[in-house]
Protein backbone atom coordinates (compact mmCIF):
# COMPACT_ATOMS: atom_id res chain seq x y z
CA UNK A 1 107.45 84.67 113.19
CA UNK A 2 108.53 87.04 110.18
CA UNK A 3 107.97 90.67 110.13
CA UNK A 4 104.91 90.43 107.54
CA UNK A 5 103.29 87.83 109.85
CA UNK A 6 103.62 90.27 112.84
CA UNK A 7 102.09 92.96 110.61
CA UNK A 8 99.30 90.82 109.47
CA UNK A 9 98.49 90.43 113.19
CA UNK A 10 98.06 94.11 113.90
CA UNK A 11 94.47 95.56 113.72
CA UNK A 12 93.69 99.42 113.83
CA UNK A 13 90.94 100.86 116.14
CA UNK A 14 89.12 101.95 113.08
CA UNK A 15 88.09 98.53 111.44
CA UNK A 16 87.51 100.23 108.03
CA UNK A 17 91.39 100.73 107.92
CA UNK A 18 93.65 97.79 106.75
CA UNK A 19 96.90 96.87 105.49
CA UNK A 20 96.80 97.05 101.49
CA UNK A 21 98.34 94.41 99.19
CA UNK A 22 99.26 94.02 95.55
CA UNK A 23 95.72 93.43 94.61
CA UNK A 24 95.03 96.73 95.57
CA UNK A 25 97.57 98.71 93.66
CA UNK A 26 95.21 99.57 90.56
CA UNK A 27 92.59 100.95 93.00
CA UNK A 28 95.16 102.90 95.01
CA UNK A 29 96.52 104.37 91.79
CA UNK A 30 93.16 105.56 90.64
CA UNK A 31 92.51 107.04 94.00
CA UNK A 32 95.92 108.86 94.12
CA UNK A 33 95.40 110.30 90.67
CA UNK A 34 91.74 111.59 91.33
CA UNK A 35 92.68 113.15 94.48
CA UNK A 36 95.69 115.04 93.15
CA UNK A 37 95.61 115.57 89.54
CA UNK A 38 92.89 116.91 86.82
CA UNK A 39 89.58 118.09 87.07
CA UNK A 40 88.18 115.17 89.43
CA UNK A 41 90.58 116.44 91.96
CA UNK A 42 89.01 119.75 92.12
CA UNK A 43 85.92 118.14 93.97
CA UNK A 44 88.07 117.95 97.10
CA UNK A 45 90.06 120.86 98.81
CA UNK A 46 93.57 118.84 98.93
CA UNK A 47 94.24 118.81 95.02
CA UNK A 48 97.45 119.96 93.06
CA UNK A 49 95.70 120.61 89.94
CA UNK A 50 96.60 124.36 89.95
CA UNK A 51 100.28 123.53 90.65
CA UNK A 52 101.11 120.54 88.67
CA UNK A 53 99.69 119.94 84.95
CA UNK A 54 98.39 116.46 83.86
CA UNK A 55 96.15 113.96 85.40
CA UNK A 56 98.80 111.46 86.53
CA UNK A 57 100.27 111.59 90.20
CA UNK A 58 101.42 107.96 89.91
CA UNK A 59 101.09 104.69 87.97
CA UNK A 60 100.89 101.03 88.71
CA UNK A 61 104.63 100.51 88.62
CA UNK A 62 105.33 103.30 90.91
CA UNK A 63 102.76 102.31 93.50
CA UNK A 64 104.32 98.71 93.25
CA UNK A 65 107.93 99.76 93.74
CA UNK A 66 106.98 101.97 96.82
CA UNK A 67 104.90 99.08 98.15
CA UNK A 68 108.13 96.77 97.72
CA UNK A 69 110.50 99.22 99.52
CA UNK A 70 111.81 97.61 102.60
CA UNK A 71 109.79 98.75 105.68
CA UNK A 72 106.99 100.36 103.40
CA UNK A 73 103.23 99.42 103.80
CA UNK A 74 100.20 101.14 102.42
CA UNK A 75 97.00 101.34 104.68
CA UNK A 76 93.53 101.57 102.88
CA UNK A 77 90.37 102.93 104.18
CA UNK A 78 87.47 100.86 102.85
CA UNK A 79 83.73 102.06 102.28
CA UNK A 80 80.75 100.00 103.23
CA UNK A 81 81.12 98.07 99.86
CA UNK A 82 84.78 97.34 100.32
CA UNK A 83 86.08 100.03 97.88
CA UNK A 84 89.20 101.91 98.68
CA UNK A 85 88.38 105.61 99.45
CA UNK A 86 91.37 106.61 101.30
CA UNK A 87 95.12 105.44 101.54
CA UNK A 88 98.34 106.41 102.91
CA UNK A 89 102.09 105.06 102.45
CA UNK A 90 104.15 104.51 105.54
CA UNK A 91 107.76 103.82 105.41
CA UNK A 92 109.97 102.72 108.34
CA UNK A 93 113.22 104.88 108.37
CA UNK A 94 114.35 103.98 111.78
CA UNK A 95 114.08 107.01 113.69
CA UNK A 96 111.23 108.24 111.69
CA UNK A 97 108.16 106.94 109.95
CA UNK A 98 107.88 108.59 106.70
CA UNK A 99 104.16 109.46 105.58
CA UNK A 100 103.36 109.85 102.02
CA UNK A 101 100.79 109.41 99.12
CA UNK A 102 98.07 110.24 101.61
CA UNK A 103 94.70 110.82 99.90
CA UNK A 104 90.90 110.59 100.53
CA UNK A 105 88.58 110.41 97.49
CA UNK A 106 87.89 114.06 96.51
CA UNK A 107 83.93 114.11 96.85
CA UNK A 108 84.09 113.01 100.38
CA UNK A 109 87.04 114.84 101.75
CA UNK A 110 86.30 116.76 105.09
CA UNK A 111 84.18 113.96 106.55
CA UNK A 112 86.94 112.63 109.19
CA UNK A 113 88.44 110.07 106.94
CA UNK A 114 91.67 111.77 106.73
CA UNK A 115 92.05 112.24 110.50
CA UNK A 116 91.22 108.53 110.94
CA UNK A 117 94.18 107.59 108.55
CA UNK A 118 96.41 109.84 110.45
CA UNK A 119 95.31 108.17 113.76
CA UNK A 120 95.93 104.84 112.36
CA UNK A 121 99.59 106.06 111.16
CA UNK A 122 99.96 107.00 114.78
CA UNK A 123 99.10 103.52 116.02
CA UNK A 124 101.43 101.91 113.50
CA UNK A 125 104.25 104.04 114.64
CA UNK A 126 103.46 103.10 118.17
CA UNK A 127 103.30 99.48 117.06
CA UNK A 128 106.69 99.80 115.65
CA UNK A 129 108.09 101.79 118.39
CA UNK A 130 108.72 104.99 116.44
CA UNK A 131 107.96 108.38 118.09
CA UNK A 132 108.16 110.58 114.93
CA UNK A 133 106.27 110.68 111.83
CA UNK A 134 107.86 112.81 109.05
CA UNK A 135 106.25 114.19 105.72
CA UNK A 136 106.81 116.61 103.09
CA UNK A 137 104.26 118.91 101.72
CA UNK A 138 104.41 121.45 98.81
CA UNK A 139 105.18 124.42 100.61
CA UNK A 140 102.74 126.91 98.87
CA UNK A 141 99.76 124.61 99.99
CA UNK A 142 99.28 126.78 103.10
CA UNK A 143 95.57 125.50 103.88
CA UNK A 144 96.79 121.90 103.75
CA UNK A 145 99.85 122.63 105.94
CA UNK A 146 97.49 124.45 108.39
CA UNK A 147 95.44 121.32 108.56
CA UNK A 148 98.51 119.16 109.30
CA UNK A 149 99.38 121.64 111.97
CA UNK A 150 96.10 121.23 113.58
CA UNK A 151 96.62 117.47 113.46
CA UNK A 152 100.05 117.70 115.36
CA UNK A 153 102.44 118.05 112.36
CA UNK A 154 104.84 120.95 112.87
CA UNK A 155 107.19 122.55 110.06
CA UNK A 156 110.94 122.00 110.75
CA UNK A 157 111.80 124.82 108.68
CA UNK A 158 113.49 122.57 106.25
CA UNK A 159 112.50 122.95 102.64
CA UNK A 160 113.58 120.39 99.94
CA UNK A 161 113.63 120.75 96.21
CA UNK A 162 110.81 119.33 94.22
CA UNK A 163 112.19 118.18 91.00
CA UNK A 164 109.79 117.70 88.22
CA UNK A 165 109.92 114.18 86.73
CA UNK A 166 108.55 112.43 83.64
CA UNK A 167 105.57 110.72 85.69
CA UNK A 168 103.99 113.17 87.82
CA UNK A 169 103.09 116.06 85.56
CA UNK A 170 104.82 119.45 84.85
CA UNK A 171 105.21 122.11 87.47
CA UNK A 172 103.07 125.27 86.56
CA UNK A 173 105.32 127.21 89.11
CA UNK A 174 108.79 126.44 90.88
CA UNK A 175 107.81 124.33 93.78
CA UNK A 176 109.58 122.92 96.93
CA UNK A 177 108.56 120.61 99.72
CA UNK A 178 108.32 121.77 103.46
CA UNK A 179 109.15 119.07 105.96
CA UNK A 180 106.68 118.55 108.75
CA UNK A 181 106.88 116.28 111.82
CA UNK A 182 104.92 114.90 114.61
CA UNK A 183 106.41 113.60 117.76
CA UNK A 184 104.71 111.66 120.55
CA UNK A 185 105.50 109.12 123.21
CA UNK A 186 105.43 105.51 122.29
């Protein structure tokens, strides 16, 4: 049985959380852009609109490339109608499960969907036998880092440069990433 077949057999405790596939790329792109950039993102509390200009966080090609990385999957959170209202990318990096591209539709943030996606990431890490989830967060986002801290992600003290690129918008100030990790028994 191949790794994809084994993954397809895994289910999450929250039935609204499922593995995403190529048919979900456009919806994931729209969700990420709405949650991170531009005026639509200001409806939520996790946006980067005051730090990075523009309305694009990602595009179809970027989401597809990340989905195609070895060991990379996306989880999607579906509403009652089957629309994607949350997502997270998880990448098996051996000793770590990297968590990125985490978002919830801005107008429904603060209702527990993010916590449910983090719980699903924990379940997936356990399924893989990985006891450490790692993420990077823009270091000046104190409120978001505090939320991650309350959910078990602690700062390592490591800072990584955040280089501006042609896809994700122009930085409105110098930025860097803080590395956070969550460790648990599997």
